[in-house]
Amino acid sequence: MPLVKSGAVTADPFVTVADDAPLPDGAVIVSAARLLSGDPALAAHRGPLGVAWPNSSDVSLIVPHLPRLALVALAFPKFRDGRAFSQARLLRERYGFRGEVRATGNVLQDQVLFMARSGFDAFALEKGADAAAFKAALARYSVFYQPTADGRPTVRDLRSAAPARTLEAAE
């Protein structure tokens, strides 16, 4: 699966590892069950660590592990299942996670801007040809009214940062 970050297809340094497999050197993604099991191999692993977190699990369960995690991959099993939007926003805003939040599964071009606004910064796509469309979708709007996890300034922020115009200057 191609990985899109900043609107471009990039190499994925992470390798997904089965629960019963030994951890290779380098960046790995483990299951939520393995992360929560207290596997001693995870504590000994020196490379970047990621977790594939199901959207049916409470994201607060990984909070104690967040300082060790470089990536949280959140699943979209169906286009109409949006629980991962809430999980991403909680990770960013409530729990202060600054690592990569990756959307996996049924990642759609129509939803990518909403995903980015919720806190996702990487997208695992079904087809590499979709990367250009994803980049265009991310840039489609430049002004927003609602504050969200992506840190973009809102219209209110932009207006309050603009220099005040006086009546004399307008004439």
C-alpha atoms as a PDB file:
ATOM      1  CA  MET A   1       0.000   0.000   0.000  1.00  0.00           C
ATOM      2  CA  PRO A   2       1.364   3.410  -0.892  1.00  0.00           C
ATOM      3  CA  LEU A   3       1.828   5.848   1.972  1.00  0.00           C
ATOM      4  CA  VAL A   4       0.939   9.506   1.409  1.00  0.00           C
ATOM      5  CA  LYS A   5       2.440  12.197   3.623  1.00  0.00           C
ATOM      6  CA  SER A   6       2.350  15.898   2.769  1.00  0.00           C
ATOM      7  CA  GLY A   7       0.553  15.060  -0.465  1.00  0.00           C
ATOM      8  CA  ALA A   8       3.337  12.858  -1.838  1.00  0.00           C
ATOM      9  CA  VAL A   9       3.901   9.118  -1.938  1.00  0.00           C
ATOM     10  CA  THR A  10       6.715   8.276   0.467  1.00  0.00           C
ATOM     11  CA  ALA A  11       8.520   5.127   1.477  1.00  0.00           C
ATOM     12  CA  ASP A  12       7.070   3.486   4.551  1.00  0.00           C
ATOM     13  CA  PRO A  13       9.848   2.720   7.039  1.00  0.00           C
ATOM     14  CA  PHE A  14       7.480   0.685   9.228  1.00  0.00           C
ATOM     15  CA  VAL A  15       7.015  -3.078   8.930  1.00  0.00           C
ATOM     16  CA  THR A  16       3.901  -4.733  10.345  1.00  0.00           C
ATOM     17  CA  VAL A  17       4.827  -7.639  12.610  1.00  0.00           C
ATOM     18  CA  ALA A  18       2.538 -10.544  13.525  1.00  0.00           C
ATOM     19  CA  ASP A  19       1.857 -11.159  17.208  1.00  0.00           C
ATOM     20  CA  ASP A  20       3.890 -14.359  17.323  1.00  0.00           C
ATOM     21  CA  ALA A  21       6.806 -13.133  15.178  1.00  0.00           C
ATOM     22  CA  PRO A  22      10.092 -11.800  16.542  1.00  0.00           C
ATOM     23  CA  LEU A  23      10.653  -8.081  16.209  1.00  0.00           C
ATOM     24  CA  PRO A  24      13.106  -7.140  13.453  1.00  0.00           C
ATOM     25  CA  ASP A  25      15.485  -4.205  13.760  1.00  0.00           C
ATOM     26  CA  GLY A  26      14.021  -0.909  12.610  1.00  0.00           C
ATOM     27  CA  ALA A  27      10.557   0.575  12.642  1.00  0.00           C
ATOM     28  CA  VAL A  28       7.746  -1.859  13.456  1.00  0.00           C
ATOM     29  CA  ILE A  29       3.976  -1.782  13.830  1.00  0.00           C
ATOM     30  CA  VAL A  30       2.480  -4.224  16.318  1.00  0.00           C
ATOM     31  CA  SER A  31      -1.116  -5.053  17.120  1.00  0.00           C
ATOM     32  CA  ALA A  32      -2.987  -3.440  19.990  1.00  0.00           C
ATOM     33  CA  ALA A  33      -3.153  -6.823  21.724  1.00  0.00           C
ATOM     34  CA  ARG A  34       0.622  -7.232  21.606  1.00  0.00           C
ATOM     35  CA  LEU A  35       1.222  -3.696  22.847  1.00  0.00           C
ATOM     36  CA  LEU A  36      -1.155  -4.109  25.776  1.00  0.00           C
ATOM     37  CA  SER A  37       0.151  -7.590  26.657  1.00  0.00           C
ATOM     38  CA  GLY A  38       3.373  -6.207  28.109  1.00  0.00           C
ATOM     39  CA  ASP A  39       5.530  -8.237  25.703  1.00  0.00           C
ATOM     40  CA  PRO A  40       9.142  -7.909  26.975  1.00  0.00           C
ATOM     41  CA  ALA A  41      10.387  -7.847  23.371  1.00  0.00           C
ATOM     42  CA  LEU A  42       8.698  -4.455  22.942  1.00  0.00           C
ATOM     43  CA  ALA A  43      10.581  -2.985  25.890  1.00  0.00           C
ATOM     44  CA  ALA A  44      13.848  -4.296  24.452  1.00  0.00           C
ATOM     45  CA  HIS A  45      13.138  -3.049  20.925  1.00  0.00           C
ATOM     46  CA  ARG A  46      15.305  -0.036  20.088  1.00  0.00           C
ATOM     47  CA  GLY A  47      13.721   1.102  16.815  1.00  0.00           C
ATOM     48  CA  PRO A  48      10.619   3.236  16.297  1.00  0.00           C
ATOM     49  CA  LEU A  49       7.474   1.532  17.535  1.00  0.00           C
ATOM     50  CA  GLY A  50       3.984   1.858  16.105  1.00  0.00           C
ATOM     51  CA  VAL A  51       0.651   0.279  16.925  1.00  0.00           C
ATOM     52  CA  ALA A  52      -2.298  -0.686  14.733  1.00  0.00           C
ATOM     53  CA  TRP A  53      -5.222   0.433  16.860  1.00  0.00           C
ATOM     54  CA  PRO A  54      -8.733  -0.841  16.018  1.00  0.00           C
ATOM     55  CA  ASN A  55     -11.472   1.749  15.916  1.00  0.00           C
ATOM     56  CA  SER A  56     -13.595  -0.376  18.241  1.00  0.00           C
ATOM     57  CA  SER A  57     -11.109  -0.001  21.135  1.00  0.00           C
ATOM     58  CA  ASP A  58     -10.915   2.844  23.614  1.00  0.00           C
ATOM     59  CA  VAL A  59      -7.953   5.007  22.603  1.00  0.00           C
ATOM     60  CA  SER A  60      -7.331   5.985  26.229  1.00  0.00           C
ATOM     61  CA  LEU A  61      -5.897   2.495  26.801  1.00  0.00           C
ATOM     62  CA  ILE A  62      -2.723   3.398  24.896  1.00  0.00           C
ATOM     63  CA  VAL A  63      -2.080   6.664  26.754  1.00  0.00           C
ATOM     64  CA  PRO A  64       0.570   5.090  29.038  1.00  0.00           C
ATOM     65  CA  HIS A  65       2.389   3.855  25.915  1.00  0.00           C
ATOM     66  CA  LEU A  66       2.284   7.138  23.939  1.00  0.00           C
ATOM     67  CA  PRO A  67       5.753   8.363  25.004  1.00  0.00           C
ATOM     68  CA  ARG A  68       7.245   5.221  23.436  1.00  0.00           C
ATOM     69  CA  LEU A  69       5.127   5.254  20.262  1.00  0.00           C
ATOM     70  CA  ALA A  70       6.229   6.927  17.037  1.00  0.00           C
ATOM     71  CA  LEU A  71       3.056   5.983  15.139  1.00  0.00           C
ATOM     72  CA  VAL A  72      -0.566   5.123  15.789  1.00  0.00           C
ATOM     73  CA  ALA A  73      -2.347   3.587  12.798  1.00  0.00           C
ATOM     74  CA  LEU A  74      -6.115   4.019  13.079  1.00  0.00           C
ATOM     75  CA  ALA A  75      -8.441   1.860  11.008  1.00  0.00           C
ATOM     76  CA  PHE A  76     -11.337   2.849   8.771  1.00  0.00           C
ATOM     77  CA  PRO A  77     -12.942  -0.560   8.079  1.00  0.00           C
ATOM     78  CA  LYS A  78     -15.867   1.025   6.147  1.00  0.00           C
ATOM     79  CA  PHE A  79     -16.380   4.485   4.713  1.00  0.00           C
ATOM     80  CA  ARG A  80     -19.375   5.064   6.964  1.00  0.00           C
ATOM     81  CA  ASP A  81     -17.517   4.119  10.164  1.00  0.00           C
ATOM     82  CA  GLY A  82     -15.996   7.345  11.465  1.00  0.00           C
ATOM     83  CA  ARG A  83     -14.844   6.341  14.941  1.00  0.00           C
ATOM     84  CA  ALA A  84     -11.204   6.806  13.915  1.00  0.00           C
ATOM     85  CA  PHE A  85     -11.887  10.538  13.383  1.00  0.00           C
ATOM     86  CA  SER A  86     -12.687  10.845  17.094  1.00  0.00           C
ATOM     87  CA  GLN A  87      -9.718   8.693  18.061  1.00  0.00           C
ATOM     88  CA  ALA A  88      -7.308  10.877  16.076  1.00  0.00           C
ATOM     89  CA  ARG A  89      -8.689  14.052  17.578  1.00  0.00           C
ATOM     90  CA  LEU A  90      -8.425  12.625  21.096  1.00  0.00           C
ATOM     91  CA  LEU A  91      -4.836  11.551  20.481  1.00  0.00           C
ATOM     92  CA  ARG A  92      -3.853  15.013  19.288  1.00  0.00           C
ATOM     93  CA  GLU A  93      -5.899  17.332  21.487  1.00  0.00           C
ATOM     94  CA  ARG A  94      -6.555  15.509  24.742  1.00  0.00           C
ATOM     95  CA  TYR A  95      -3.495  13.285  24.981  1.00  0.00           C
ATOM     96  CA  GLY A  96      -0.966  15.530  23.192  1.00  0.00           C
ATOM     97  CA  PHE A  97       0.403  12.847  20.868  1.00  0.00           C
ATOM     98  CA  ARG A  98       2.878  14.389  18.411  1.00  0.00           C
ATOM     99  CA  GLY A  99       3.905  11.252  16.521  1.00  0.00           C
ATOM    100  CA  GLU A 100       2.455  10.085  13.224  1.00  0.00           C
ATOM    101  CA  VAL A 101      -1.268   9.330  13.122  1.00  0.00           C
ATOM    102  CA  ARG A 102      -1.919   7.170  10.061  1.00  0.00           C
ATOM    103  CA  ALA A 103      -5.277   6.393   8.444  1.00  0.00           C
ATOM    104  CA  THR A 104      -5.543   2.804   7.207  1.00  0.00           C
ATOM    105  CA  GLY A 105      -8.263   0.745   5.596  1.00  0.00           C
ATOM    106  CA  ASN A 106     -10.992   2.440   3.587  1.00  0.00           C
ATOM    107  CA  VAL A 107      -9.232   5.816   3.174  1.00  0.00           C
ATOM    108  CA  LEU A 108     -11.234   7.916   0.714  1.00  0.00           C
ATOM    109  CA  GLN A 109     -10.276  11.054  -1.169  1.00  0.00           C
ATOM    110  CA  ASP A 110     -13.595  12.678  -0.193  1.00  0.00           C
ATOM    111  CA  GLN A 111     -12.739  12.358   3.502  1.00  0.00           C
ATOM    112  CA  VAL A 112      -9.011  13.140   3.477  1.00  0.00           C
ATOM    113  CA  LEU A 113      -9.387  16.822   4.376  1.00  0.00           C
ATOM    114  CA  PHE A 114     -11.616  15.906   7.317  1.00  0.00           C
ATOM    115  CA  MET A 115      -9.029  13.296   8.326  1.00  0.00           C
ATOM    116  CA  ALA A 116      -6.249  15.887   8.253  1.00  0.00           C
ATOM    117  CA  ARG A 117      -8.385  18.332  10.238  1.00  0.00           C
ATOM    118  CA  SER A 118      -8.943  15.580  12.829  1.00  0.00           C
ATOM    119  CA  GLY A 119      -5.226  14.985  13.300  1.00  0.00           C
ATOM    120  CA  PHE A 120      -4.169  12.450  10.673  1.00  0.00           C
ATOM    121  CA  ASP A 121      -0.899  13.246   8.937  1.00  0.00           C
ATOM    122  CA  ALA A 122      -0.336  10.056   6.912  1.00  0.00           C
ATOM    123  CA  PHE A 123      -2.654   7.986   4.732  1.00  0.00           C
ATOM    124  CA  ALA A 124      -2.208   4.377   3.595  1.00  0.00           C
ATOM    125  CA  LEU A 125      -3.858   4.240   0.167  1.00  0.00           C
ATOM    126  CA  GLU A 126      -5.154   1.339  -1.860  1.00  0.00           C
ATOM    127  CA  LYS A 127      -3.657   2.766  -5.085  1.00  0.00           C
ATOM    128  CA  GLY A 128      -0.594   4.946  -5.597  1.00  0.00           C
ATOM    129  CA  ALA A 129      -2.330   6.764  -8.448  1.00  0.00           C
ATOM    130  CA  ASP A 130      -4.622   8.411  -5.891  1.00  0.00           C
ATOM    131  CA  ALA A 131      -1.755  10.454  -4.395  1.00  0.00           C
ATOM    132  CA  ALA A 132      -2.261  13.471  -6.679  1.00  0.00           C
ATOM    133  CA  ALA A 133      -5.977  13.536  -5.912  1.00  0.00           C
ATOM    134  CA  PHE A 134      -5.216  13.351  -2.189  1.00  0.00           C
ATOM    135  CA  LYS A 135      -2.787  16.267  -2.443  1.00  0.00           C
ATOM    136  CA  ALA A 136      -5.407  18.334  -4.281  1.00  0.00           C
ATOM    137  CA  ALA A 137      -8.064  17.435  -1.699  1.00  0.00           C
ATOM    138  CA  LEU A 138      -5.797  18.541   1.144  1.00  0.00           C
ATOM    139  CA  ALA A 139      -5.242  21.924  -0.518  1.00  0.00           C
ATOM    140  CA  ARG A 140      -8.832  22.486  -1.650  1.00  0.00           C
ATOM    141  CA  TYR A 141      -9.723  24.858   1.197  1.00  0.00           C
ATOM    142  CA  SER A 142      -7.422  27.391   2.779  1.00  0.00           C
ATOM    143  CA  VAL A 143      -9.713  29.082   5.310  1.00  0.00           C
ATOM    144  CA  PHE A 144     -11.580  27.362   8.141  1.00  0.00           C
ATOM    145  CA  TYR A 145     -14.059  28.512  10.758  1.00  0.00           C
ATOM    146  CA  GLN A 146     -13.645  25.707  13.287  1.00  0.00           C
ATOM    147  CA  PRO A 147     -10.431  25.082  15.243  1.00  0.00           C
ATOM    148  CA  THR A 148      -9.213  21.508  15.011  1.00  0.00           C
ATOM    149  CA  ALA A 149      -6.213  19.281  15.635  1.00  0.00           C
ATOM    150  CA  ASP A 150      -4.322  20.220  12.478  1.00  0.00           C
ATOM    151  CA  GLY A 151      -3.294  23.594  13.890  1.00  0.00           C
ATOM    152  CA  ARG A 152      -4.390  25.682  10.906  1.00  0.00           C
ATOM    153  CA  PRO A 153      -5.520  29.180  11.885  1.00  0.00           C
ATOM    154  CA  THR A 154      -9.227  29.862  11.851  1.00  0.00           C
ATOM    155  CA  VAL A 155     -10.878  32.871  10.236  1.00  0.00           C
ATOM    156  CA  ARG A 156     -11.108  34.443  13.690  1.00  0.00           C
ATOM    157  CA  ASP A 157      -7.361  33.935  14.231  1.00  0.00           C
ATOM    158  CA  LEU A 158      -6.596  35.480  10.864  1.00  0.00           C
ATOM    159  CA  ARG A 159      -8.859  38.454  11.464  1.00  0.00           C
ATOM    160  CA  SER A 160      -7.468  39.170  14.926  1.00  0.00           C
ATOM    161  CA  ALA A 161      -3.893  38.934  13.600  1.00  0.00           C
ATOM    162  CA  ALA A 162      -4.587  41.388  10.770  1.00  0.00           C
ATOM    163  CA  PRO A 163      -3.677  45.013  11.463  1.00  0.00           C
ATOM    164  CA  ALA A 164      -6.674  47.098  12.417  1.00  0.00           C
ATOM    165  CA  ARG A 165      -7.822  49.480   9.705  1.00  0.00           C
ATOM    166  CA  THR A 166      -8.814  52.912  10.764  1.00  0.00           C
ATOM    167  CA  LEU A 167     -11.508  54.938   9.081  1.00  0.00           C
ATOM    168  CA  GLU A 168      -8.960  57.490   7.903  1.00  0.00           C
ATOM    169  CA  ALA A 169      -6.795  54.799   6.279  1.00  0.00           C
ATOM    170  CA  ALA A 170      -9.811  53.444   4.414  1.00  0.00           C
ATOM    171  CA  GLU A 171     -10.558  56.837   2.853  1.00  0.00           C
END
